[in-house]
């Protein structure tokens, strides 16, 4: 563990903002990207879309109330489709196991 019981070192806010601007430049993005925008994108596009539970994401973001995380964590259509497909697959297996045809 790093200092202060953190897994990784946390850069100062100004350093993080400068690094975001460097990444934006390297990617050729012309849109204004703020710290808040990058945090929202990480929560939605990286974490939730790849199956990180919202409870875990809430802890990662340092929120004490999961309602705060829900502001950042908009559910994408892609995630909704994957979740529904996974549920359908699970239900199908139960139906096959029980010999049920629906």
N, C-alpha and C. Protein backbone atom coordinates (compact mmCIF):
# COMPACT_ATOMS: atom_id res chain seq x y z
N UNK A 1 0.83 -1.18 0.00
CA UNK A 1 0.00 0.00 0.00
C UNK A 1 0.88 1.25 0.00
N UNK A 2 0.41 2.25 -0.68
CA UNK A 2 1.10 3.53 -0.69
C UNK A 2 0.78 4.28 0.61
N UNK A 3 1.32 5.48 0.73
CA UNK A 3 1.05 6.29 1.92
C UNK A 3 -0.44 6.55 2.09
N UNK A 4 -0.88 6.81 3.32
CA UNK A 4 -2.26 7.14 3.64
C UNK A 4 -3.24 6.02 3.30
N UNK A 5 -2.78 4.78 3.31
CA UNK A 5 -3.63 3.62 3.01
C UNK A 5 -4.25 3.66 1.61
N UNK A 6 -3.61 4.32 0.68
CA UNK A 6 -4.07 4.35 -0.70
C UNK A 6 -3.28 3.33 -1.51
N UNK A 7 -3.96 2.67 -2.42
CA UNK A 7 -3.31 1.67 -3.24
C UNK A 7 -2.29 2.30 -4.20
N UNK A 8 -2.68 3.42 -4.80
CA UNK A 8 -1.82 4.12 -5.76
C UNK A 8 -1.62 5.56 -5.29
N UNK A 9 -0.53 6.17 -5.69
CA UNK A 9 -0.35 7.58 -5.33
C UNK A 9 -1.39 8.44 -6.04
N UNK A 10 -1.88 9.45 -5.36
CA UNK A 10 -2.88 10.35 -5.92
C UNK A 10 -2.20 11.68 -6.25
N UNK A 11 -2.24 12.08 -7.53
CA UNK A 11 -1.59 13.34 -7.89
C UNK A 11 -2.40 14.53 -7.36
N UNK A 12 -1.75 15.68 -7.26
CA UNK A 12 -2.47 16.89 -6.90
C UNK A 12 -3.46 17.21 -8.01
N UNK A 13 -4.51 17.92 -7.65
CA UNK A 13 -5.57 18.26 -8.60
C UNK A 13 -5.02 18.94 -9.85
N UNK A 14 -4.15 19.93 -9.66
CA UNK A 14 -3.60 20.68 -10.79
C UNK A 14 -2.78 19.77 -11.70
N UNK A 15 -2.04 18.82 -11.12
CA UNK A 15 -1.26 17.87 -11.91
C UNK A 15 -2.18 16.96 -12.72
N UNK A 16 -3.25 16.50 -12.09
CA UNK A 16 -4.21 15.65 -12.79
C UNK A 16 -4.85 16.40 -13.96
N UNK A 17 -5.22 17.66 -13.74
CA UNK A 17 -5.83 18.46 -14.81
C UNK A 17 -4.86 18.67 -15.97
N UNK A 18 -3.59 18.92 -15.66
CA UNK A 18 -2.58 19.09 -16.72
C UNK A 18 -2.41 17.78 -17.50
N UNK A 19 -2.42 16.66 -16.80
CA UNK A 19 -2.28 15.36 -17.47
C UNK A 19 -3.49 15.07 -18.36
N UNK A 20 -4.68 15.43 -17.91
CA UNK A 20 -5.89 15.25 -18.73
C UNK A 20 -5.74 16.06 -20.01
N UNK A 21 -5.28 17.31 -19.89
CA UNK A 21 -5.10 18.16 -21.07
C UNK A 21 -4.08 17.56 -22.05
N UNK A 22 -2.99 16.97 -21.51
CA UNK A 22 -2.00 16.31 -22.37
C UNK A 22 -2.63 15.15 -23.13
N UNK A 23 -3.40 14.34 -22.43
CA UNK A 23 -4.05 13.18 -23.06
C UNK A 23 -5.03 13.64 -24.12
N UNK A 24 -5.80 14.68 -23.83
CA UNK A 24 -6.75 15.24 -24.80
C UNK A 24 -6.02 15.67 -26.06
N UNK A 25 -4.89 16.35 -25.88
CA UNK A 25 -4.09 16.79 -27.04
C UNK A 25 -3.57 15.63 -27.85
N UNK A 26 -3.04 14.61 -27.17
CA UNK A 26 -2.52 13.43 -27.87
C UNK A 26 -3.60 12.69 -28.65
N UNK A 27 -4.83 12.73 -28.13
CA UNK A 27 -5.95 12.03 -28.78
C UNK A 27 -6.60 12.88 -29.87
N UNK A 28 -6.23 14.13 -29.96
CA UNK A 28 -6.81 15.01 -30.98
C UNK A 28 -8.23 15.44 -30.65
N UNK A 29 -8.59 15.41 -29.38
CA UNK A 29 -9.93 15.82 -28.97
C UNK A 29 -9.96 17.34 -28.86
N UNK A 30 -10.94 17.95 -29.50
CA UNK A 30 -11.05 19.40 -29.48
C UNK A 30 -12.05 19.90 -28.44
N UNK A 31 -12.86 19.02 -27.91
CA UNK A 31 -13.86 19.38 -26.91
C UNK A 31 -13.19 19.71 -25.58
N UNK A 32 -13.76 20.66 -24.84
CA UNK A 32 -13.27 20.99 -23.49
C UNK A 32 -13.58 19.82 -22.57
N UNK A 33 -12.56 19.27 -21.94
CA UNK A 33 -12.72 18.16 -21.00
C UNK A 33 -12.25 18.64 -19.63
N UNK A 34 -13.12 18.53 -18.65
CA UNK A 34 -12.78 18.96 -17.30
C UNK A 34 -12.48 17.73 -16.44
N UNK A 35 -12.01 17.98 -15.23
CA UNK A 35 -11.79 16.92 -14.26
C UNK A 35 -13.10 16.17 -14.04
N UNK A 36 -14.17 16.93 -13.87
CA UNK A 36 -15.49 16.33 -13.62
C UNK A 36 -15.91 15.44 -14.80
N UNK A 37 -15.70 15.90 -16.03
CA UNK A 37 -16.05 15.12 -17.21
C UNK A 37 -15.26 13.83 -17.26
N UNK A 38 -13.97 13.90 -16.95
CA UNK A 38 -13.14 12.70 -16.99
C UNK A 38 -13.58 11.70 -15.92
N UNK A 39 -13.97 12.20 -14.77
CA UNK A 39 -14.45 11.34 -13.68
C UNK A 39 -15.75 10.64 -14.07
N UNK A 40 -16.65 11.41 -14.69
CA UNK A 40 -17.93 10.86 -15.15
C UNK A 40 -17.70 9.78 -16.22
N UNK A 41 -16.80 10.06 -17.15
CA UNK A 41 -16.50 9.12 -18.22
C UNK A 41 -15.89 7.84 -17.67
N UNK A 42 -14.98 7.98 -16.72
CA UNK A 42 -14.38 6.79 -16.09
C UNK A 42 -15.47 5.95 -15.42
N UNK A 43 -16.35 6.60 -14.70
CA UNK A 43 -17.41 5.88 -13.98
C UNK A 43 -18.33 5.14 -14.95
N UNK A 44 -18.75 5.82 -15.99
CA UNK A 44 -19.73 5.25 -16.91
C UNK A 44 -19.11 4.31 -17.93
N UNK A 45 -18.16 4.84 -18.70
CA UNK A 45 -17.65 4.10 -19.85
C UNK A 45 -16.62 3.04 -19.50
N UNK A 46 -15.85 3.25 -18.46
CA UNK A 46 -14.82 2.28 -18.12
C UNK A 46 -15.32 1.30 -17.08
N UNK A 47 -15.86 1.81 -15.98
CA UNK A 47 -16.23 0.93 -14.87
C UNK A 47 -17.56 0.22 -15.09
N UNK A 48 -18.65 0.99 -15.19
CA UNK A 48 -19.97 0.34 -15.30
C UNK A 48 -20.11 -0.50 -16.57
N UNK A 49 -19.63 0.03 -17.68
CA UNK A 49 -19.75 -0.71 -18.94
C UNK A 49 -18.98 -2.02 -18.90
N UNK A 50 -17.96 -2.10 -18.06
CA UNK A 50 -17.17 -3.32 -17.95
C UNK A 50 -17.53 -4.16 -16.72
N UNK A 51 -18.70 -3.89 -16.16
CA UNK A 51 -19.23 -4.77 -15.12
C UNK A 51 -18.84 -4.46 -13.68
N UNK A 52 -18.21 -3.31 -13.42
CA UNK A 52 -17.89 -2.97 -12.03
C UNK A 52 -19.20 -2.62 -11.32
N UNK A 53 -19.51 -3.28 -10.21
CA UNK A 53 -20.75 -2.97 -9.49
C UNK A 53 -20.77 -1.54 -9.00
N UNK A 54 -21.95 -0.93 -8.98
CA UNK A 54 -22.05 0.47 -8.57
C UNK A 54 -21.59 0.68 -7.14
N UNK A 55 -21.74 -0.34 -6.29
CA UNK A 55 -21.27 -0.22 -4.90
C UNK A 55 -19.74 -0.08 -4.86
N UNK A 56 -19.06 -0.85 -5.69
CA UNK A 56 -17.60 -0.76 -5.78
C UNK A 56 -17.19 0.58 -6.36
N UNK A 57 -17.87 1.00 -7.40
CA UNK A 57 -17.58 2.28 -8.03
C UNK A 57 -17.76 3.42 -7.03
N UNK A 58 -18.80 3.35 -6.23
CA UNK A 58 -19.06 4.37 -5.22
C UNK A 58 -17.88 4.50 -4.27
N UNK A 59 -17.36 3.37 -3.85
CA UNK A 59 -16.20 3.36 -2.94
C UNK A 59 -14.96 3.93 -3.66
N UNK A 60 -14.77 3.52 -4.92
CA UNK A 60 -13.63 4.01 -5.69
C UNK A 60 -13.66 5.53 -5.85
N UNK A 61 -14.86 6.07 -6.02
CA UNK A 61 -15.00 7.51 -6.20
C UNK A 61 -14.98 8.28 -4.87
N UNK A 62 -14.99 7.54 -3.76
CA UNK A 62 -14.93 8.17 -2.46
C UNK A 62 -16.26 8.72 -1.97
N UNK A 63 -17.35 8.21 -2.52
CA UNK A 63 -18.66 8.70 -2.12
C UNK A 63 -19.13 7.99 -0.85
N UNK A 64 -19.79 8.72 0.02
CA UNK A 64 -20.35 8.11 1.23
C UNK A 64 -21.79 7.68 1.01
N UNK A 65 -22.42 8.20 -0.04
CA UNK A 65 -23.80 7.87 -0.35
C UNK A 65 -23.89 7.40 -1.80
N UNK A 66 -24.47 6.25 -2.02
CA UNK A 66 -24.54 5.69 -3.38
C UNK A 66 -25.36 6.57 -4.32
N UNK A 67 -26.25 7.40 -3.78
CA UNK A 67 -27.02 8.33 -4.62
C UNK A 67 -26.10 9.30 -5.35
N UNK A 68 -25.02 9.68 -4.71
CA UNK A 68 -24.04 10.57 -5.35
C UNK A 68 -23.41 9.86 -6.54
N UNK A 69 -23.10 8.60 -6.39
CA UNK A 69 -22.50 7.82 -7.48
C UNK A 69 -23.47 7.69 -8.64
N UNK A 70 -24.73 7.54 -8.35
CA UNK A 70 -25.73 7.38 -9.40
C UNK A 70 -25.81 8.60 -10.31
N UNK A 71 -25.40 9.76 -9.81
CA UNK A 71 -25.36 10.97 -10.65
C UNK A 71 -24.30 10.79 -11.75
N UNK A 72 -23.15 10.26 -11.37
CA UNK A 72 -22.07 10.03 -12.33
C UNK A 72 -22.37 8.84 -13.22
N UNK A 73 -22.95 7.84 -12.66
CA UNK A 73 -23.03 6.53 -13.28
C UNK A 73 -24.32 6.35 -14.08
N UNK A 74 -24.40 7.00 -15.19
CA UNK A 74 -25.55 6.81 -16.08
C UNK A 74 -25.41 5.45 -16.75
N UNK A 75 -26.49 4.73 -16.82
CA UNK A 75 -26.47 3.41 -17.43
C UNK A 75 -26.52 3.57 -18.95
N UNK A 76 -25.56 2.99 -19.64
CA UNK A 76 -25.52 3.08 -21.09
C UNK A 76 -26.42 2.01 -21.70
N UNK A 77 -26.85 2.23 -22.92
CA UNK A 77 -27.67 1.24 -23.62
C UNK A 77 -26.91 -0.07 -23.79
N UNK A 78 -25.60 0.04 -24.02
CA UNK A 78 -24.76 -1.14 -24.19
C UNK A 78 -24.78 -2.00 -22.93
N UNK A 79 -24.62 -1.35 -21.77
CA UNK A 79 -24.64 -2.09 -20.50
C UNK A 79 -26.00 -2.70 -20.26
N UNK A 80 -27.03 -1.95 -20.53
CA UNK A 80 -28.40 -2.46 -20.34
C UNK A 80 -28.61 -3.70 -21.21
N UNK A 81 -28.18 -3.66 -22.45
CA UNK A 81 -28.33 -4.81 -23.35
C UNK A 81 -27.54 -6.02 -22.86
N UNK A 82 -26.30 -5.80 -22.41
CA UNK A 82 -25.49 -6.91 -21.90
C UNK A 82 -26.10 -7.51 -20.65
N UNK A 83 -26.60 -6.66 -19.76
CA UNK A 83 -27.21 -7.15 -18.52
C UNK A 83 -28.47 -7.97 -18.83
N UNK A 84 -29.27 -7.49 -19.76
CA UNK A 84 -30.49 -8.23 -20.12
C UNK A 84 -30.14 -9.55 -20.81
N UNK A 85 -29.12 -9.57 -21.64
CA UNK A 85 -28.69 -10.81 -22.29
C UNK A 85 -28.20 -11.82 -21.24
N UNK A 86 -27.44 -11.33 -20.25
CA UNK A 86 -26.95 -12.21 -19.18
C UNK A 86 -28.11 -12.78 -18.38
N UNK A 87 -29.10 -11.95 -18.07
CA UNK A 87 -30.28 -12.43 -17.35
C UNK A 87 -31.03 -13.45 -18.17
N UNK A 88 -31.21 -13.18 -19.44
CA UNK A 88 -31.91 -14.11 -20.33
C UNK A 88 -31.20 -15.45 -20.38
N UNK A 89 -29.86 -15.41 -20.45
CA UNK A 89 -29.06 -16.63 -20.48
C UNK A 89 -29.25 -17.43 -19.19
N UNK A 90 -29.23 -16.75 -18.05
CA UNK A 90 -29.41 -17.43 -16.76
C UNK A 90 -30.80 -18.05 -16.67
N UNK A 91 -31.82 -17.31 -17.09
CA UNK A 91 -33.18 -17.84 -17.05
C UNK A 91 -33.35 -19.03 -17.99
N UNK A 92 -32.70 -18.95 -19.14
CA UNK A 92 -32.76 -20.05 -20.10
C UNK A 92 -32.16 -21.32 -19.51
N UNK A 93 -31.05 -21.18 -18.79
CA UNK A 93 -30.41 -22.34 -18.17
C UNK A 93 -31.30 -22.94 -17.09
N UNK A 94 -31.99 -22.09 -16.34
CA UNK A 94 -32.91 -22.59 -15.32
C UNK A 94 -34.05 -23.35 -15.97
N UNK A 95 -34.58 -22.80 -17.07
CA UNK A 95 -35.66 -23.46 -17.79
C UNK A 95 -35.21 -24.81 -18.31
N UNK A 96 -34.00 -24.88 -18.86
CA UNK A 96 -33.49 -26.15 -19.38
C UNK A 96 -33.29 -27.16 -18.26
N UNK A 97 -32.81 -26.71 -17.12
CA UNK A 97 -32.57 -27.58 -15.98
C UNK A 97 -33.88 -28.16 -15.45
N UNK A 98 -34.91 -27.34 -15.41
CA UNK A 98 -36.20 -27.77 -14.87
C UNK A 98 -37.11 -28.39 -15.94
N UNK A 99 -36.66 -28.41 -17.18
CA UNK A 99 -37.47 -28.97 -18.26
C UNK A 99 -38.69 -28.12 -18.58
N UNK A 100 -38.58 -26.82 -18.32
CA UNK A 100 -39.70 -25.91 -18.54
C UNK A 100 -39.56 -25.30 -19.93
N UNK A 101 -40.67 -25.19 -20.64
CA UNK A 101 -40.69 -24.50 -21.90
C UNK A 101 -41.63 -23.31 -21.77
N UNK A 102 -41.07 -22.12 -21.98
CA UNK A 102 -41.91 -20.91 -21.86
C UNK A 102 -41.99 -20.25 -23.22
